[in-house]
């Protein structure tokens, strides 16, 4: 195994380099730390963040994907990775990631709204409908989500379902 002092030293170096605004050196120390702890979610997530700060999106995606494999339930990592997929013009991958997290967190309204918007923008009717139904369940007194669900069914040419819901 590695000397735990090596890890502590590198972690401290990352903090110091970040505090002094030296992104490239912070990244270098974090890459060494990730090599020592390849199965540590937090180490990989910070590596992803530092790569993003250095405009190294494809490498950041790889780091975040490894982090998500280790801890699939970590919302902030899923959101960061989804954002990178959106910036990289890959809304389908962003949606797949966010939809999985949204199903696990049905009470997170902001997340459901983001999934619904992404699904509607990417013309994924079923994902939009699922998110809108979760939102409608969160706010039964608010008819907006139920109406948007009907609109999504109409847009998907699922008129019999739209009519049944409208009643």
Protein backbone atom coordinates (compact mmCIF):
# COMPACT_ATOMS: atom_id res chain seq x y z
CA UNK A 1 0.00 0.00 0.00
CA UNK A 2 0.92 3.65 -0.20
CA UNK A 3 2.03 5.77 2.70
CA UNK A 4 -1.05 7.61 4.05
CA UNK A 5 1.19 10.65 4.56
CA UNK A 6 1.63 10.78 0.75
CA UNK A 7 -2.13 11.12 0.37
CA UNK A 8 -2.42 13.74 3.11
CA UNK A 9 0.45 15.75 1.59
CA UNK A 10 -1.09 15.64 -1.88
CA UNK A 11 -4.51 16.61 -0.54
CA UNK A 12 -2.95 19.60 1.24
CA UNK A 13 -1.06 20.55 -1.94
CA UNK A 14 -4.29 20.48 -3.95
CA UNK A 15 -5.91 22.83 -1.38
CA UNK A 16 -2.91 25.19 -1.39
CA UNK A 17 -2.61 25.29 -5.18
CA UNK A 18 -6.35 25.92 -5.53
CA UNK A 19 -6.25 28.66 -2.91
CA UNK A 20 -3.41 30.37 -4.76
CA UNK A 21 -5.24 30.06 -8.11
CA UNK A 22 -2.73 27.63 -9.62
CA UNK A 23 -5.14 25.33 -11.44
CA UNK A 24 -2.60 23.33 -13.44
CA UNK A 25 -0.56 22.40 -10.32
CA UNK A 26 -3.74 21.63 -8.34
CA UNK A 27 -4.79 19.34 -11.18
CA UNK A 28 -1.41 17.61 -11.28
CA UNK A 29 -1.50 16.87 -7.55
CA UNK A 30 -5.14 15.68 -7.81
CA UNK A 31 -4.21 13.34 -10.70
CA UNK A 32 -1.51 11.81 -8.47
CA UNK A 33 -4.05 11.45 -5.68
CA UNK A 34 -6.53 9.75 -8.06
CA UNK A 35 -3.78 7.31 -9.07
CA UNK A 36 -3.33 6.44 -5.37
CA UNK A 37 -7.11 6.22 -4.74
CA UNK A 38 -8.68 5.06 -8.03
CA UNK A 39 -11.87 3.85 -6.30
CA UNK A 40 -12.57 6.97 -4.21
CA UNK A 41 -15.64 8.91 -5.35
CA UNK A 42 -14.67 12.26 -3.82
CA UNK A 43 -11.15 12.13 -5.25
CA UNK A 44 -12.51 11.42 -8.75
CA UNK A 45 -15.26 14.05 -8.49
CA UNK A 46 -12.74 16.73 -7.51
CA UNK A 47 -10.48 15.56 -10.35
CA UNK A 48 -13.44 16.06 -12.70
CA UNK A 49 -14.08 19.57 -11.35
CA UNK A 50 -10.40 20.54 -11.74
CA UNK A 51 -10.35 19.17 -15.31
CA UNK A 52 -13.45 21.25 -16.14
CA UNK A 53 -11.71 24.35 -14.76
CA UNK A 54 -8.81 23.64 -17.16
CA UNK A 55 -11.23 23.25 -20.12
CA UNK A 56 -10.50 19.54 -20.43
CA UNK A 57 -14.09 18.36 -20.82
CA UNK A 58 -13.56 14.89 -22.31
CA UNK A 59 -11.14 13.94 -19.51
CA UNK A 60 -13.53 15.44 -16.95
CA UNK A 61 -16.35 13.28 -18.33
CA UNK A 62 -14.18 10.17 -17.90
CA UNK A 63 -13.36 11.10 -14.28
CA UNK A 64 -17.00 11.84 -13.41
CA UNK A 65 -18.15 8.61 -15.08
CA UNK A 66 -15.74 6.61 -12.90
CA UNK A 67 -17.02 8.50 -9.84
CA UNK A 68 -20.67 7.73 -10.77
CA UNK A 69 -19.88 4.01 -11.18
CA UNK A 70 -18.54 3.99 -7.62
CA UNK A 71 -21.37 6.09 -6.08
CA UNK A 72 -24.38 6.15 -8.44
CA UNK A 73 -26.59 7.96 -5.92
CA UNK A 74 -24.46 11.11 -5.58
CA UNK A 75 -26.65 13.85 -7.01
CA UNK A 76 -23.99 16.58 -7.32
CA UNK A 77 -21.75 14.27 -9.40
CA UNK A 78 -24.65 13.25 -11.66
CA UNK A 79 -25.58 16.91 -12.14
CA UNK A 80 -21.98 17.88 -12.98
CA UNK A 81 -21.69 15.04 -15.50
CA UNK A 82 -25.09 15.84 -17.03
CA UNK A 83 -24.01 19.48 -17.40
CA UNK A 84 -20.88 18.38 -19.27
CA UNK A 85 -22.98 16.19 -21.59
CA UNK A 86 -25.27 19.17 -22.25
CA UNK A 87 -22.30 21.46 -22.99
CA UNK A 88 -20.90 18.73 -25.24
CA UNK A 89 -24.22 18.73 -27.11
CA UNK A 90 -25.15 15.25 -25.94
CA UNK A 91 -28.57 15.86 -24.34
CA UNK A 92 -29.58 12.19 -24.58
CA UNK A 93 -26.75 11.11 -22.28
CA UNK A 94 -27.52 14.00 -19.93
CA UNK A 95 -31.17 12.97 -19.85
CA UNK A 96 -30.43 9.28 -19.23
CA UNK A 97 -28.24 10.22 -16.27
CA UNK A 98 -30.65 12.74 -14.74
CA UNK A 99 -33.68 10.53 -15.30
CA UNK A 100 -32.09 7.70 -13.32
CA UNK A 101 -31.35 10.06 -10.43
CA UNK A 102 -34.83 11.66 -10.68
CA UNK A 103 -36.54 8.28 -10.31
CA UNK A 104 -34.53 7.68 -7.14
CA UNK A 105 -35.42 11.18 -5.81
CA UNK A 106 -39.08 11.72 -6.76
CA UNK A 107 -39.52 14.52 -4.19
CA UNK A 108 -36.74 16.69 -5.66
CA UNK A 109 -38.88 19.21 -7.56
CA UNK A 110 -36.00 21.14 -9.17
CA UNK A 111 -34.51 17.90 -10.48
CA UNK A 112 -37.89 16.71 -11.86
CA UNK A 113 -38.37 20.06 -13.61
CA UNK A 114 -34.91 19.86 -15.15
CA UNK A 115 -35.60 16.32 -16.41
CA UNK A 116 -38.98 17.38 -17.83
CA UNK A 117 -37.41 20.36 -19.63
CA UNK A 118 -34.51 18.31 -20.98
CA UNK A 119 -36.87 15.54 -22.13
CA UNK A 120 -39.24 18.00 -23.80
CA UNK A 121 -36.31 19.75 -25.51
CA UNK A 122 -34.92 16.42 -26.71
CA UNK A 123 -38.39 15.27 -27.77
CA UNK A 124 -38.31 12.24 -25.48
CA UNK A 125 -42.03 12.05 -24.76
CA UNK A 126 -41.92 9.13 -22.35
CA UNK A 127 -39.21 10.64 -20.14
CA UNK A 128 -41.07 13.99 -20.16
CA UNK A 129 -44.33 12.28 -19.22
CA UNK A 130 -42.71 10.36 -16.35
CA UNK A 131 -41.12 13.51 -14.92
CA UNK A 132 -44.35 15.51 -15.31
CA UNK A 133 -46.30 12.74 -13.56
CA UNK A 134 -43.80 12.83 -10.66
CA UNK A 135 -44.22 16.62 -10.51
CA UNK A 136 -48.03 16.33 -10.61
CA UNK A 137 -47.87 13.86 -7.71
CA UNK A 138 -45.75 16.35 -5.75
CA UNK A 139 -48.30 19.16 -6.33
CA UNK A 140 -51.79 17.74 -6.82
CA UNK A 141 -53.29 21.23 -6.36
CA UNK A 142 -51.21 22.63 -9.25
CA UNK A 143 -52.78 21.69 -12.61
CA UNK A 144 -49.83 22.95 -14.70
CA UNK A 145 -47.96 19.64 -14.67
CA UNK A 146 -51.03 17.57 -15.53
CA UNK A 147 -51.73 19.99 -18.40
CA UNK A 148 -48.13 19.76 -19.63
CA UNK A 149 -48.44 15.95 -19.51
CA UNK A 150 -51.55 16.15 -21.72
CA UNK A 151 -49.64 18.49 -24.08
CA UNK A 152 -46.75 16.00 -24.18
CA UNK A 153 -49.15 13.19 -25.13
CA UNK A 154 -50.68 15.35 -27.88
CA UNK A 155 -47.18 16.18 -29.18
CA UNK A 156 -46.37 12.45 -29.23
CA UNK A 157 -49.58 11.73 -31.20
CA UNK A 158 -51.01 9.77 -28.27
CA UNK A 159 -54.42 11.43 -28.55
CA UNK A 160 -56.59 8.74 -26.88
CA UNK A 161 -54.39 8.94 -23.75
CA UNK A 162 -54.43 12.74 -23.89
CA UNK A 163 -58.24 12.78 -24.11
CA UNK A 164 -58.57 10.26 -21.25
CA UNK A 165 -56.28 12.41 -19.05
CA UNK A 166 -58.02 15.64 -19.98
CA UNK A 167 -61.28 14.26 -18.60
